[in-house]
């Protein structure tokens, strides 16, 4: 996957190990689907939808705890909202 210099810096740990882990996970996820690049998230703090607390998402929740502990505050939606 092609990364911008800023994305590569995050992957290299410029904002700490938790954010590097987030970017590494996004890259791996994108590669699974053949993504060539990432797209911009328009929210000021990003946005993560984890759906209704599935047990298989425990690693995501652990990573979210790391981000919060490191003062990163991604926007979070744990449950889908009604349209």
C-alpha atoms as a PDB file:
ATOM      1  CA  UNK A   1       0.000   0.000   0.000  1.00  0.00           C
ATOM      2  CA  UNK A   2       1.257   3.469  -0.844  1.00  0.00           C
ATOM      3  CA  UNK A   3       1.553   5.675   2.244  1.00  0.00           C
ATOM      4  CA  UNK A   4       1.949   9.424   2.422  1.00  0.00           C
ATOM      5  CA  UNK A   5       5.004  10.702   4.319  1.00  0.00           C
ATOM      6  CA  UNK A   6       2.718  11.496   7.275  1.00  0.00           C
ATOM      7  CA  UNK A   7       1.186   8.025   7.283  1.00  0.00           C
ATOM      8  CA  UNK A   8       4.638   6.452   7.049  1.00  0.00           C
ATOM      9  CA  UNK A   9       5.811   8.572   9.993  1.00  0.00           C
ATOM     10  CA  UNK A  10       2.866   7.318  12.063  1.00  0.00           C
ATOM     11  CA  UNK A  11       3.674   3.744  11.077  1.00  0.00           C
ATOM     12  CA  UNK A  12       7.271   4.374  12.120  1.00  0.00           C
ATOM     13  CA  UNK A  13       6.114   5.486  15.577  1.00  0.00           C
ATOM     14  CA  UNK A  14       6.207   9.296  15.391  1.00  0.00           C
ATOM     15  CA  UNK A  15       3.126   9.473  17.667  1.00  0.00           C
ATOM     16  CA  UNK A  16       3.894   6.473  19.813  1.00  0.00           C
ATOM     17  CA  UNK A  17       3.511   2.702  19.685  1.00  0.00           C
ATOM     18  CA  UNK A  18      -0.289   2.631  20.006  1.00  0.00           C
ATOM     19  CA  UNK A  19      -0.791   4.871  16.969  1.00  0.00           C
ATOM     20  CA  UNK A  20       1.828   2.882  15.039  1.00  0.00           C
ATOM     21  CA  UNK A  21      -0.190  -0.244  15.842  1.00  0.00           C
ATOM     22  CA  UNK A  22      -3.352   1.445  14.546  1.00  0.00           C
ATOM     23  CA  UNK A  23      -1.683   2.359  11.258  1.00  0.00           C
ATOM     24  CA  UNK A  24      -0.119  -1.099  10.913  1.00  0.00           C
ATOM     25  CA  UNK A  25      -3.579  -2.643  11.434  1.00  0.00           C
ATOM     26  CA  UNK A  26      -5.120  -0.306   8.830  1.00  0.00           C
ATOM     27  CA  UNK A  27      -2.398  -1.159   6.326  1.00  0.00           C
ATOM     28  CA  UNK A  28      -2.889  -4.891   6.875  1.00  0.00           C
ATOM     29  CA  UNK A  29      -6.661  -4.541   6.599  1.00  0.00           C
ATOM     30  CA  UNK A  30      -6.343  -2.472   3.425  1.00  0.00           C
ATOM     31  CA  UNK A  31      -3.937  -4.950   1.876  1.00  0.00           C
ATOM     32  CA  UNK A  32      -6.441  -7.756   2.500  1.00  0.00           C
ATOM     33  CA  UNK A  33      -8.871  -5.891   0.248  1.00  0.00           C
ATOM     34  CA  UNK A  34      -6.334  -4.743  -2.324  1.00  0.00           C
ATOM     35  CA  UNK A  35      -6.424  -1.064  -1.327  1.00  0.00           C
ATOM     36  CA  UNK A  36      -3.750   1.042  -3.004  1.00  0.00           C
ATOM     37  CA  UNK A  37      -3.930   3.904  -0.525  1.00  0.00           C
ATOM     38  CA  UNK A  38      -5.841   5.232   2.456  1.00  0.00           C
ATOM     39  CA  UNK A  39      -8.569   7.832   2.182  1.00  0.00           C
ATOM     40  CA  UNK A  40      -9.001  10.876   4.386  1.00  0.00           C
ATOM     41  CA  UNK A  41     -11.288  10.601   7.406  1.00  0.00           C
ATOM     42  CA  UNK A  42     -13.138  13.884   7.667  1.00  0.00           C
ATOM     43  CA  UNK A  43     -13.819  13.915  11.432  1.00  0.00           C
ATOM     44  CA  UNK A  44     -11.437  16.020  13.530  1.00  0.00           C
ATOM     45  CA  UNK A  45     -10.498  12.983  15.612  1.00  0.00           C
ATOM     46  CA  UNK A  46     -11.337  10.180  13.209  1.00  0.00           C
ATOM     47  CA  UNK A  47     -14.156   7.719  13.660  1.00  0.00           C
ATOM     48  CA  UNK A  48     -14.306   4.054  14.557  1.00  0.00           C
ATOM     49  CA  UNK A  49     -17.403   1.859  14.401  1.00  0.00           C
ATOM     50  CA  UNK A  50     -16.964  -1.288  16.465  1.00  0.00           C
ATOM     51  CA  UNK A  51     -20.581  -2.451  16.292  1.00  0.00           C
ATOM     52  CA  UNK A  52     -22.333  -4.067  19.174  1.00  0.00           C
ATOM     53  CA  UNK A  53     -19.395  -5.273  21.296  1.00  0.00           C
ATOM     54  CA  UNK A  54     -18.598  -8.531  19.551  1.00  0.00           C
ATOM     55  CA  UNK A  55     -16.172 -10.624  21.580  1.00  0.00           C
ATOM     56  CA  UNK A  56     -13.867 -10.965  18.590  1.00  0.00           C
ATOM     57  CA  UNK A  57     -13.289  -7.201  18.774  1.00  0.00           C
ATOM     58  CA  UNK A  58     -11.547  -7.392  22.169  1.00  0.00           C
ATOM     59  CA  UNK A  59      -8.162  -6.543  20.580  1.00  0.00           C
ATOM     60  CA  UNK A  60      -9.774  -3.409  19.124  1.00  0.00           C
ATOM     61  CA  UNK A  61     -11.072  -2.392  22.549  1.00  0.00           C
ATOM     62  CA  UNK A  62      -7.633  -3.024  24.082  1.00  0.00           C
ATOM     63  CA  UNK A  63      -6.065  -0.831  21.414  1.00  0.00           C
ATOM     64  CA  UNK A  64      -8.678   1.885  22.028  1.00  0.00           C
ATOM     65  CA  UNK A  65      -7.714   1.813  25.724  1.00  0.00           C
ATOM     66  CA  UNK A  66      -4.056   2.312  24.714  1.00  0.00           C
ATOM     67  CA  UNK A  67      -4.997   5.273  22.537  1.00  0.00           C
ATOM     68  CA  UNK A  68      -7.036   6.907  25.296  1.00  0.00           C
ATOM     69  CA  UNK A  69      -4.249   6.320  27.814  1.00  0.00           C
ATOM     70  CA  UNK A  70      -1.879   8.046  25.372  1.00  0.00           C
ATOM     71  CA  UNK A  71      -4.299  10.996  25.062  1.00  0.00           C
ATOM     72  CA  UNK A  72      -5.431  10.061  21.558  1.00  0.00           C
ATOM     73  CA  UNK A  73      -9.196  10.506  21.351  1.00  0.00           C
ATOM     74  CA  UNK A  74     -10.671   8.797  18.293  1.00  0.00           C
ATOM     75  CA  UNK A  75     -14.384   9.316  17.730  1.00  0.00           C
ATOM     76  CA  UNK A  76     -16.080   6.061  18.693  1.00  0.00           C
ATOM     77  CA  UNK A  77     -19.447   4.601  17.828  1.00  0.00           C
ATOM     78  CA  UNK A  78     -19.878   1.265  19.569  1.00  0.00           C
ATOM     79  CA  UNK A  79     -23.331   0.555  18.175  1.00  0.00           C
ATOM     80  CA  UNK A  80     -24.835   1.235  14.786  1.00  0.00           C
ATOM     81  CA  UNK A  81     -27.337   4.054  14.769  1.00  0.00           C
ATOM     82  CA  UNK A  82     -30.752   3.855  13.190  1.00  0.00           C
ATOM     83  CA  UNK A  83     -30.920   5.461   9.771  1.00  0.00           C
END
